[in-house]
Amino acid sequence: SIVRIVIEREQAQLVLRVSDQGPGVPDYARERVFERFYSLPRPDGARSSGLGLSFVREVADLHGGSIALVNREGGGAIAELRLPV
């Protein structure tokens, strides 16, 4: 799966977008993936620790920023981290 990373400045914010071409995130899990220890099953049966996105949200909160996750049309997801400059 191809991962694309874009970093740009939008007004007074630094915006980091990471997108992939995977299956996306089910609607029921879109906010839960930011909870500690929550992880979705993978097709290969492996599981993650469920800590990565929760740490990103905590860092965003501590710096007055935000994190969002949306599904891409046609498959995949985009994670967007915004931090004040």
C-alpha atoms as a PDB file:
ATOM      1  CA  SER A   1       0.000   0.000   0.000  1.00  0.00           C
ATOM      2  CA  ILE A   2       1.321   3.431  -0.936  1.00  0.00           C
ATOM      3  CA  VAL A   3       1.521   6.020   1.838  1.00  0.00           C
ATOM      4  CA  ARG A   4       1.658   9.710   0.983  1.00  0.00           C
ATOM      5  CA  ILE A   5       2.820  12.382   3.444  1.00  0.00           C
ATOM      6  CA  VAL A   6       2.201  16.085   2.858  1.00  0.00           C
ATOM      7  CA  ILE A   7       3.295  18.897   5.174  1.00  0.00           C
ATOM      8  CA  GLU A   8       2.179  22.461   4.542  1.00  0.00           C
ATOM      9  CA  ARG A   9       1.458  25.686   6.316  1.00  0.00           C
ATOM     10  CA  GLU A  10      -2.101  26.991   6.300  1.00  0.00           C
ATOM     11  CA  GLN A  11      -2.275  30.450   7.852  1.00  0.00           C
ATOM     12  CA  ALA A  12      -1.095  30.017  11.467  1.00  0.00           C
ATOM     13  CA  GLN A  13      -1.106  26.205  11.417  1.00  0.00           C
ATOM     14  CA  LEU A  14       1.246  23.455  10.343  1.00  0.00           C
ATOM     15  CA  VAL A  15      -0.784  20.709   8.673  1.00  0.00           C
ATOM     16  CA  LEU A  16       0.548  17.163   8.312  1.00  0.00           C
ATOM     17  CA  ARG A  17      -1.550  14.786   6.188  1.00  0.00           C
ATOM     18  CA  VAL A  18      -0.824  11.082   5.908  1.00  0.00           C
ATOM     19  CA  SER A  19      -2.906   9.149   3.391  1.00  0.00           C
ATOM     20  CA  ASP A  20      -2.940   5.530   2.308  1.00  0.00           C
ATOM     21  CA  GLN A  21      -4.754   3.260  -0.124  1.00  0.00           C
ATOM     22  CA  GLY A  22      -5.864   0.650   2.426  1.00  0.00           C
ATOM     23  CA  PRO A  23      -9.404  -0.382   3.332  1.00  0.00           C
ATOM     24  CA  GLY A  24     -10.150   2.802   5.284  1.00  0.00           C
ATOM     25  CA  VAL A  25     -11.631   2.919   8.774  1.00  0.00           C
ATOM     26  CA  PRO A  26     -15.192   1.748   9.477  1.00  0.00           C
ATOM     27  CA  ASP A  27     -17.544   4.554  10.562  1.00  0.00           C
ATOM     28  CA  TYR A  28     -18.117   2.948  13.970  1.00  0.00           C
ATOM     29  CA  ALA A  29     -14.389   3.072  14.717  1.00  0.00           C
ATOM     30  CA  ARG A  30     -13.395   6.470  13.327  1.00  0.00           C
ATOM     31  CA  GLU A  31     -13.336   8.202  16.736  1.00  0.00           C
ATOM     32  CA  ARG A  32     -12.464   5.081  18.731  1.00  0.00           C
ATOM     33  CA  VAL A  33      -9.109   4.640  16.981  1.00  0.00           C
ATOM     34  CA  PHE A  34      -7.875   7.576  19.085  1.00  0.00           C
ATOM     35  CA  GLU A  35      -8.648   5.719  22.339  1.00  0.00           C
ATOM     36  CA  ARG A  36      -5.788   4.014  24.148  1.00  0.00           C
ATOM     37  CA  PHE A  37      -5.512   0.289  23.408  1.00  0.00           C
ATOM     38  CA  TYR A  38      -8.288   0.299  20.781  1.00  0.00           C
ATOM     39  CA  SER A  39      -7.263  -1.446  17.599  1.00  0.00           C
ATOM     40  CA  LEU A  40      -9.028  -2.905  14.607  1.00  0.00           C
ATOM     41  CA  PRO A  41      -8.358  -6.442  13.433  1.00  0.00           C
ATOM     42  CA  ARG A  42      -6.081  -6.712  10.413  1.00  0.00           C
ATOM     43  CA  PRO A  43      -6.630  -9.053   7.470  1.00  0.00           C
ATOM     44  CA  ASP A  44      -3.471 -10.991   8.415  1.00  0.00           C
ATOM     45  CA  GLY A  45      -4.758 -11.524  11.971  1.00  0.00           C
ATOM     46  CA  ALA A  46      -2.152  -9.261  13.563  1.00  0.00           C
ATOM     47  CA  ARG A  47      -3.147  -6.557  16.057  1.00  0.00           C
ATOM     48  CA  SER A  48      -1.513  -3.301  16.969  1.00  0.00           C
ATOM     49  CA  SER A  49      -0.948  -2.027  20.494  1.00  0.00           C
ATOM     50  CA  GLY A  50      -3.654   0.594  19.989  1.00  0.00           C
ATOM     51  CA  LEU A  51      -1.360   3.330  21.299  1.00  0.00           C
ATOM     52  CA  GLY A  52      -0.083   5.197  18.226  1.00  0.00           C
ATOM     53  CA  LEU A  53      -3.070   7.392  17.389  1.00  0.00           C
ATOM     54  CA  SER A  54      -3.886   7.975  21.055  1.00  0.00           C
ATOM     55  CA  PHE A  55      -0.372   9.389  21.523  1.00  0.00           C
ATOM     56  CA  VAL A  56      -0.800  11.594  18.445  1.00  0.00           C
ATOM     57  CA  ARG A  57      -4.085  12.977  19.814  1.00  0.00           C
ATOM     58  CA  GLU A  58      -2.474  13.663  23.193  1.00  0.00           C
ATOM     59  CA  VAL A  59       0.443  15.523  21.589  1.00  0.00           C
ATOM     60  CA  ALA A  60      -2.003  17.524  19.437  1.00  0.00           C
ATOM     61  CA  ASP A  61      -4.067  18.429  22.511  1.00  0.00           C
ATOM     62  CA  LEU A  62      -0.998  19.443  24.529  1.00  0.00           C
ATOM     63  CA  HIS A  63       0.095  21.808  21.743  1.00  0.00           C
ATOM     64  CA  GLY A  64      -3.334  23.301  21.069  1.00  0.00           C
ATOM     65  CA  GLY A  65      -3.794  21.345  17.848  1.00  0.00           C
ATOM     66  CA  SER A  66      -6.098  18.669  16.521  1.00  0.00           C
ATOM     67  CA  ILE A  67      -6.118  15.301  14.756  1.00  0.00           C
ATOM     68  CA  ALA A  68      -8.813  14.004  12.419  1.00  0.00           C
ATOM     69  CA  LEU A  69      -9.278  10.858  10.371  1.00  0.00           C
ATOM     70  CA  VAL A  70     -11.429  10.617   7.257  1.00  0.00           C
ATOM     71  CA  ASN A  71     -11.895   7.954   4.626  1.00  0.00           C
ATOM     72  CA  ARG A  72     -10.858   8.709   1.068  1.00  0.00           C
ATOM     73  CA  GLU A  73     -13.259   8.231  -1.777  1.00  0.00           C
ATOM     74  CA  GLY A  74     -12.245   5.058  -3.554  1.00  0.00           C
ATOM     75  CA  GLY A  75     -10.493   3.559  -0.518  1.00  0.00           C
ATOM     76  CA  GLY A  76      -7.916   4.459   2.031  1.00  0.00           C
ATOM     77  CA  ALA A  77      -7.849   7.034   4.787  1.00  0.00           C
ATOM     78  CA  ILE A  78      -6.340  10.439   5.509  1.00  0.00           C
ATOM     79  CA  ALA A  79      -5.055  11.376   8.967  1.00  0.00           C
ATOM     80  CA  GLU A  80      -4.665  15.130   9.403  1.00  0.00           C
ATOM     81  CA  LEU A  81      -2.672  16.636  12.255  1.00  0.00           C
ATOM     82  CA  ARG A  82      -2.935  20.410  12.763  1.00  0.00           C
ATOM     83  CA  LEU A  83      -0.592  22.309  15.078  1.00  0.00           C
ATOM     84  CA  PRO A  84      -0.356  26.042  15.687  1.00  0.00           C
ATOM     85  CA  VAL A  85       2.829  27.664  14.388  1.00  0.00           C
END
